[in-house]
Amino acid sequence: QVQLVESGGGLVQPGGSLTLSCAASGITFGQYYMRWYRQAPGEERYLVAGISSVGAPPFYDHSVKGRFTISRDDVDKMLYLQMNNLKPSDTAVYYCQAKFGLDSPYWGQGTQVTVST
């Protein structure tokens, strides 16, 4: 059974930092391309960052480039998103996704990030 479990969300003030984690089980983690998506209320879910395990440069959406860092630990089957200089516009539910080739992706249940004073 495949499980992706996100954690690390919460309430933070503008300019603050959070690190999200995604623990994977039930997959050969190193074979999967891993992504972070986010979805704000009333908006569609969209891709924030992605990372492979083969050393290619990570992908970042322009809205987070320079502030967010995606990383992975293939031994411990963990995906991370370090988020710095957070803005109110970063408020959303953050989801991790695992995808292998053309197979349907696996999703986590999401973790809420709220940036507010």
N, C-alpha and C. Protein backbone atom coordinates (compact mmCIF):
# COMPACT_ATOMS: atom_id res chain seq x y z
N GLN A 1 0.86 -1.20 0.00
CA GLN A 1 0.00 0.00 0.00
C GLN A 1 0.89 1.24 0.00
N VAL A 2 0.63 2.12 -0.95
CA VAL A 2 1.43 3.34 -1.07
C VAL A 2 0.86 4.41 -0.14
N GLN A 3 1.76 5.04 0.59
CA GLN A 3 1.35 6.16 1.44
C GLN A 3 2.35 7.29 1.30
N LEU A 4 1.81 8.50 1.17
CA LEU A 4 2.59 9.72 1.23
C LEU A 4 1.98 10.56 2.35
N VAL A 5 2.78 10.89 3.35
CA VAL A 5 2.27 11.61 4.51
C VAL A 5 3.05 12.90 4.69
N GLU A 6 2.36 14.01 4.49
CA GLU A 6 2.99 15.33 4.65
C GLU A 6 2.89 15.79 6.11
N SER A 7 3.84 16.59 6.50
CA SER A 7 3.84 17.20 7.83
C SER A 7 4.64 18.49 7.78
N GLY A 8 4.53 19.28 8.85
CA GLY A 8 5.34 20.48 8.96
C GLY A 8 4.61 21.78 8.68
N GLY A 9 3.37 21.70 8.25
CA GLY A 9 2.61 22.91 8.01
C GLY A 9 2.26 23.62 9.31
N GLY A 10 1.71 24.82 9.16
CA GLY A 10 1.32 25.57 10.34
C GLY A 10 1.09 27.03 10.02
N LEU A 11 1.00 27.82 11.07
CA LEU A 11 0.81 29.27 10.96
C LEU A 11 2.15 29.95 11.16
N VAL A 12 2.49 30.85 10.26
CA VAL A 12 3.76 31.56 10.35
C VAL A 12 3.53 33.00 9.90
N GLN A 13 4.32 33.91 10.46
CA GLN A 13 4.21 35.31 10.08
C GLN A 13 4.92 35.55 8.75
N PRO A 14 4.50 36.59 8.03
CA PRO A 14 5.22 36.94 6.80
C PRO A 14 6.71 37.13 7.08
N GLY A 15 7.52 36.62 6.16
CA GLY A 15 8.97 36.66 6.34
C GLY A 15 9.53 35.47 7.06
N GLY A 16 8.67 34.65 7.62
CA GLY A 16 9.11 33.48 8.37
C GLY A 16 9.44 32.29 7.49
N SER A 17 9.78 31.19 8.14
CA SER A 17 10.19 29.98 7.44
C SER A 17 9.46 28.76 7.98
N LEU A 18 9.28 27.79 7.11
CA LEU A 18 8.75 26.48 7.48
C LEU A 18 9.45 25.44 6.61
N THR A 19 9.55 24.22 7.14
CA THR A 19 10.03 23.10 6.35
C THR A 19 8.96 22.02 6.34
N LEU A 20 8.49 21.71 5.15
CA LEU A 20 7.53 20.62 4.98
C LEU A 20 8.27 19.32 4.72
N SER A 21 7.69 18.23 5.21
CA SER A 21 8.24 16.90 4.99
C SER A 21 7.16 16.01 4.39
N CYS A 22 7.61 15.04 3.61
CA CYS A 22 6.70 14.04 3.04
C CYS A 22 7.37 12.69 3.19
N ALA A 23 6.75 11.82 3.98
CA ALA A 23 7.28 10.48 4.21
C ALA A 23 6.57 9.51 3.27
N ALA A 24 7.36 8.77 2.50
CA ALA A 24 6.81 7.84 1.52
C ALA A 24 7.01 6.41 1.99
N SER A 25 6.04 5.58 1.68
CA SER A 25 6.16 4.15 1.93
C SER A 25 5.41 3.39 0.85
N GLY A 26 5.83 2.15 0.61
CA GLY A 26 5.15 1.32 -0.36
C GLY A 26 5.60 1.53 -1.80
N ILE A 27 6.63 2.36 -2.02
CA ILE A 27 7.16 2.57 -3.36
C ILE A 27 8.68 2.48 -3.32
N THR A 28 9.27 2.19 -4.47
CA THR A 28 10.72 2.26 -4.60
C THR A 28 11.06 3.72 -4.84
N PHE A 29 11.26 4.43 -3.76
CA PHE A 29 11.27 5.89 -3.77
C PHE A 29 12.24 6.47 -4.80
N GLY A 30 13.40 5.90 -4.92
CA GLY A 30 14.41 6.44 -5.82
C GLY A 30 14.02 6.43 -7.28
N GLN A 31 13.00 5.65 -7.64
CA GLN A 31 12.55 5.58 -9.02
C GLN A 31 11.55 6.67 -9.37
N TYR A 32 11.06 7.37 -8.37
CA TYR A 32 9.97 8.30 -8.56
C TYR A 32 10.43 9.74 -8.64
N TYR A 33 9.82 10.46 -9.57
CA TYR A 33 9.98 11.91 -9.60
C TYR A 33 9.03 12.47 -8.55
N MET A 34 9.54 13.33 -7.69
CA MET A 34 8.75 13.86 -6.57
C MET A 34 8.46 15.33 -6.78
N ARG A 35 7.26 15.72 -6.44
CA ARG A 35 6.82 17.10 -6.62
C ARG A 35 6.07 17.61 -5.39
N TRP A 36 6.12 18.90 -5.20
CA TRP A 36 5.25 19.61 -4.27
C TRP A 36 4.28 20.47 -5.08
N TYR A 37 3.00 20.34 -4.76
CA TYR A 37 1.95 21.17 -5.31
C TYR A 37 1.33 21.96 -4.17
N ARG A 38 0.60 23.00 -4.53
CA ARG A 38 -0.19 23.70 -3.53
C ARG A 38 -1.52 24.14 -4.11
N GLN A 39 -2.49 24.29 -3.22
CA GLN A 39 -3.83 24.70 -3.64
C GLN A 39 -4.40 25.66 -2.62
N ALA A 40 -4.65 26.87 -3.08
CA ALA A 40 -5.27 27.89 -2.24
C ALA A 40 -6.79 27.79 -2.40
N PRO A 41 -7.55 28.28 -1.43
CA PRO A 41 -9.02 28.22 -1.52
C PRO A 41 -9.53 28.86 -2.81
N GLY A 42 -10.39 28.15 -3.50
CA GLY A 42 -10.97 28.66 -4.72
C GLY A 42 -10.08 28.63 -5.94
N GLU A 43 -8.89 28.05 -5.78
CA GLU A 43 -7.95 28.00 -6.90
C GLU A 43 -7.61 26.56 -7.24
N GLU A 44 -7.03 26.39 -8.43
CA GLU A 44 -6.61 25.05 -8.84
C GLU A 44 -5.28 24.69 -8.18
N ARG A 45 -5.07 23.41 -8.05
CA ARG A 45 -3.78 22.92 -7.53
C ARG A 45 -2.72 23.14 -8.60
N TYR A 46 -1.56 23.65 -8.21
CA TYR A 46 -0.51 23.82 -9.21
C TYR A 46 0.85 23.47 -8.65
N LEU A 47 1.76 23.20 -9.59
CA LEU A 47 3.08 22.69 -9.26
C LEU A 47 3.97 23.79 -8.70
N VAL A 48 4.58 23.52 -7.57
CA VAL A 48 5.48 24.47 -6.92
C VAL A 48 6.94 24.11 -7.20
N ALA A 49 7.27 22.82 -7.03
CA ALA A 49 8.66 22.40 -7.20
C ALA A 49 8.69 20.91 -7.48
N GLY A 50 9.76 20.47 -8.17
CA GLY A 50 9.92 19.05 -8.48
C GLY A 50 11.38 18.66 -8.45
N ILE A 51 11.63 17.38 -8.17
CA ILE A 51 13.02 16.91 -8.08
C ILE A 51 13.09 15.45 -8.46
N SER A 52 14.13 15.11 -9.24
CA SER A 52 14.39 13.72 -9.58
C SER A 52 15.49 13.19 -8.67
N SER A 53 15.81 11.92 -8.82
CA SER A 53 16.87 11.34 -8.02
C SER A 53 18.15 11.15 -8.82
N VAL A 54 18.18 11.69 -10.05
CA VAL A 54 19.32 11.42 -10.93
C VAL A 54 20.22 12.63 -11.09
N GLY A 55 20.05 13.64 -10.23
CA GLY A 55 20.97 14.76 -10.24
C GLY A 55 20.61 15.89 -11.15
N ALA A 56 19.50 15.82 -11.84
CA ALA A 56 19.08 16.95 -12.68
C ALA A 56 18.68 18.12 -11.78
N PRO A 57 18.81 19.35 -12.28
CA PRO A 57 18.44 20.51 -11.47
C PRO A 57 16.96 20.45 -11.10
N PRO A 58 16.61 20.81 -9.87
CA PRO A 58 15.20 20.84 -9.49
C PRO A 58 14.44 21.89 -10.28
N PHE A 59 13.14 21.71 -10.35
CA PHE A 59 12.25 22.69 -10.98
C PHE A 59 11.59 23.53 -9.89
N TYR A 60 11.45 24.82 -10.14
CA TYR A 60 10.70 25.71 -9.24
C TYR A 60 9.78 26.60 -10.06
N ASP A 61 8.57 26.78 -9.55
CA ASP A 61 7.70 27.79 -10.14
C ASP A 61 8.32 29.16 -9.88
N HIS A 62 8.07 30.10 -10.80
CA HIS A 62 8.70 31.41 -10.68
C HIS A 62 8.30 32.12 -9.39
N SER A 63 7.12 31.76 -8.87
CA SER A 63 6.63 32.46 -7.67
C SER A 63 7.39 32.09 -6.41
N VAL A 64 8.15 30.98 -6.45
CA VAL A 64 8.85 30.53 -5.25
C VAL A 64 10.36 30.44 -5.46
N LYS A 65 10.82 30.64 -6.68
CA LYS A 65 12.23 30.50 -6.97
C LYS A 65 13.04 31.48 -6.15
N GLY A 66 14.10 30.99 -5.52
CA GLY A 66 14.93 31.83 -4.68
C GLY A 66 14.49 31.86 -3.23
N ARG A 67 13.28 31.37 -2.94
CA ARG A 67 12.77 31.34 -1.57
C ARG A 67 12.57 29.91 -1.07
N PHE A 68 12.20 29.00 -1.96
CA PHE A 68 11.91 27.62 -1.59
C PHE A 68 13.04 26.71 -2.10
N THR A 69 13.32 25.66 -1.33
CA THR A 69 14.30 24.65 -1.74
C THR A 69 13.70 23.27 -1.56
N ILE A 70 13.66 22.51 -2.64
CA ILE A 70 13.17 21.13 -2.58
C ILE A 70 14.37 20.20 -2.45
N SER A 71 14.21 19.16 -1.65
CA SER A 71 15.27 18.17 -1.50
C SER A 71 14.65 16.82 -1.18
N ARG A 72 15.47 15.78 -1.29
CA ARG A 72 14.98 14.43 -1.04
C ARG A 72 16.06 13.59 -0.41
N ASP A 73 15.65 12.60 0.34
CA ASP A 73 16.54 11.61 0.94
C ASP A 73 16.04 10.26 0.49
N ASP A 74 16.73 9.67 -0.49
CA ASP A 74 16.26 8.41 -1.06
C ASP A 74 16.46 7.23 -0.10
N VAL A 75 17.35 7.35 0.85
CA VAL A 75 17.55 6.27 1.81
C VAL A 75 16.38 6.22 2.79
N ASP A 76 16.00 7.37 3.30
CA ASP A 76 14.91 7.43 4.27
C ASP A 76 13.55 7.63 3.62
N LYS A 77 13.53 7.74 2.29
CA LYS A 77 12.27 7.91 1.54
C LYS A 77 11.53 9.16 2.01
N MET A 78 12.26 10.28 2.02
CA MET A 78 11.68 11.53 2.47
C MET A 78 11.83 12.62 1.41
N LEU A 79 10.83 13.45 1.32
CA LEU A 79 10.84 14.64 0.46
C LEU A 79 10.66 15.85 1.36
N TYR A 80 11.38 16.93 1.03
CA TYR A 80 11.33 18.13 1.86
C TYR A 80 11.07 19.35 1.00
N LEU A 81 10.51 20.38 1.65
CA LEU A 81 10.38 21.69 1.01
C LEU A 81 10.71 22.73 2.08
N GLN A 82 11.89 23.32 1.95
CA GLN A 82 12.29 24.41 2.84
C GLN A 82 11.74 25.70 2.26
N MET A 83 10.95 26.39 3.05
CA MET A 83 10.28 27.60 2.58
C MET A 83 10.75 28.79 3.43
N ASN A 84 11.38 29.75 2.78
CA ASN A 84 11.88 30.93 3.46
C ASN A 84 11.17 32.18 2.94
N ASN A 85 11.26 33.25 3.72
CA ASN A 85 10.66 34.53 3.33
C ASN A 85 9.22 34.34 2.86
N LEU A 86 8.45 33.66 3.68
CA LEU A 86 7.07 33.33 3.30
C LEU A 86 6.21 34.58 3.19
N LYS A 87 5.29 34.52 2.24
CA LYS A 87 4.37 35.63 1.96
C LYS A 87 2.93 35.16 2.17
N PRO A 88 2.02 36.08 2.42
CA PRO A 88 0.61 35.67 2.55
C PRO A 88 0.12 34.90 1.32
N SER A 89 0.67 35.22 0.14
CA SER A 89 0.25 34.52 -1.08
C SER A 89 0.72 33.07 -1.12
N ASP A 90 1.58 32.67 -0.18
CA ASP A 90 2.01 31.27 -0.09
C ASP A 90 1.00 30.43 0.70
N THR A 91 0.00 31.07 1.28
CA THR A 91 -1.01 30.34 2.04
C THR A 91 -1.76 29.36 1.14
N ALA A 92 -1.76 28.10 1.53
CA ALA A 92 -2.37 27.05 0.72
C ALA A 92 -2.23 25.72 1.45
N VAL A 93 -2.90 24.72 0.93
CA VAL A 93 -2.63 23.34 1.33
C VAL A 93 -1.54 22.81 0.40
N TYR A 94 -0.51 22.26 0.97
CA TYR A 94 0.63 21.75 0.21
C TYR A 94 0.55 20.22 0.15
N TYR A 95 0.72 19.70 -1.07
CA TYR A 95 0.62 18.26 -1.31
C TYR A 95 1.92 17.75 -1.91
N CYS A 96 2.34 16.57 -1.51
CA CYS A 96 3.44 15.93 -2.22
C CYS A 96 2.86 14.90 -3.18
N GLN A 97 3.60 14.71 -4.26
CA GLN A 97 3.19 13.79 -5.32
C GLN A 97 4.37 12.93 -5.71
N ALA A 98 4.11 11.65 -5.94
CA ALA A 98 5.14 10.73 -6.44
C ALA A 98 4.67 10.19 -7.79
N LYS A 99 5.55 10.25 -8.79
CA LYS A 99 5.16 9.77 -10.11
C LYS A 99 6.30 8.98 -10.74
N PHE A 100 5.94 7.83 -11.32
CA PHE A 100 6.90 6.97 -12.01
C PHE A 100 6.47 6.80 -13.45
N GLY A 101 7.26 7.32 -14.36
CA GLY A 101 6.98 7.18 -15.78
C GLY A 101 5.60 7.69 -16.14
N LEU A 102 4.83 6.85 -16.86
CA LEU A 102 3.48 7.23 -17.31
C LEU A 102 2.41 6.73 -16.35
N ASP A 103 2.82 6.12 -15.23
CA ASP A 103 1.85 5.64 -14.26
C ASP A 103 1.09 6.80 -13.62
N SER A 104 -0.10 6.50 -13.12
CA SER A 104 -0.85 7.51 -12.38
C SER A 104 -0.06 7.91 -11.14
N PRO A 105 -0.10 9.18 -10.78
CA PRO A 105 0.67 9.64 -9.60
C PRO A 105 -0.02 9.25 -8.29
N TYR A 106 0.80 9.23 -7.24
CA TYR A 106 0.30 9.09 -5.88
C TYR A 106 0.34 10.45 -5.21
N TRP A 107 -0.66 10.69 -4.36
CA TRP A 107 -0.76 11.97 -3.66
C TRP A 107 -0.82 11.76 -2.15
N GLY A 108 -0.31 12.73 -1.41
CA GLY A 108 -0.52 12.76 0.01
C GLY A 108 -1.82 13.47 0.34
N GLN A 109 -2.11 13.57 1.64
CA GLN A 109 -3.38 14.16 2.07
C GLN A 109 -3.29 15.67 2.22
N GLY A 110 -2.08 16.21 2.19
CA GLY A 110 -1.89 17.65 2.27
C GLY A 110 -1.62 18.16 3.67
N THR A 111 -0.93 19.29 3.73
CA THR A 111 -0.67 19.97 5.00
C THR A 111 -0.90 21.47 4.80
N GLN A 112 -1.60 22.09 5.74
CA GLN A 112 -1.98 23.49 5.59
C GLN A 112 -0.84 24.41 6.01
N VAL A 113 -0.56 25.38 5.16
CA VAL A 113 0.39 26.45 5.47
C VAL A 113 -0.37 27.76 5.43
N THR A 114 -0.32 28.50 6.51
CA THR A 114 -0.99 29.79 6.59
C THR A 114 0.04 30.85 6.96
N VAL A 115 0.15 31.86 6.12
CA VAL A 115 1.09 32.96 6.35
C VAL A 115 0.27 34.20 6.65
N SER A 116 0.35 34.65 7.89
CA SER A 116 -0.51 35.74 8.32
C SER A 116 0.05 36.36 9.58
N THR A 117 -0.31 37.64 9.77
CA THR A 117 0.03 38.31 11.02
C THR A 117 -1.04 38.03 12.06
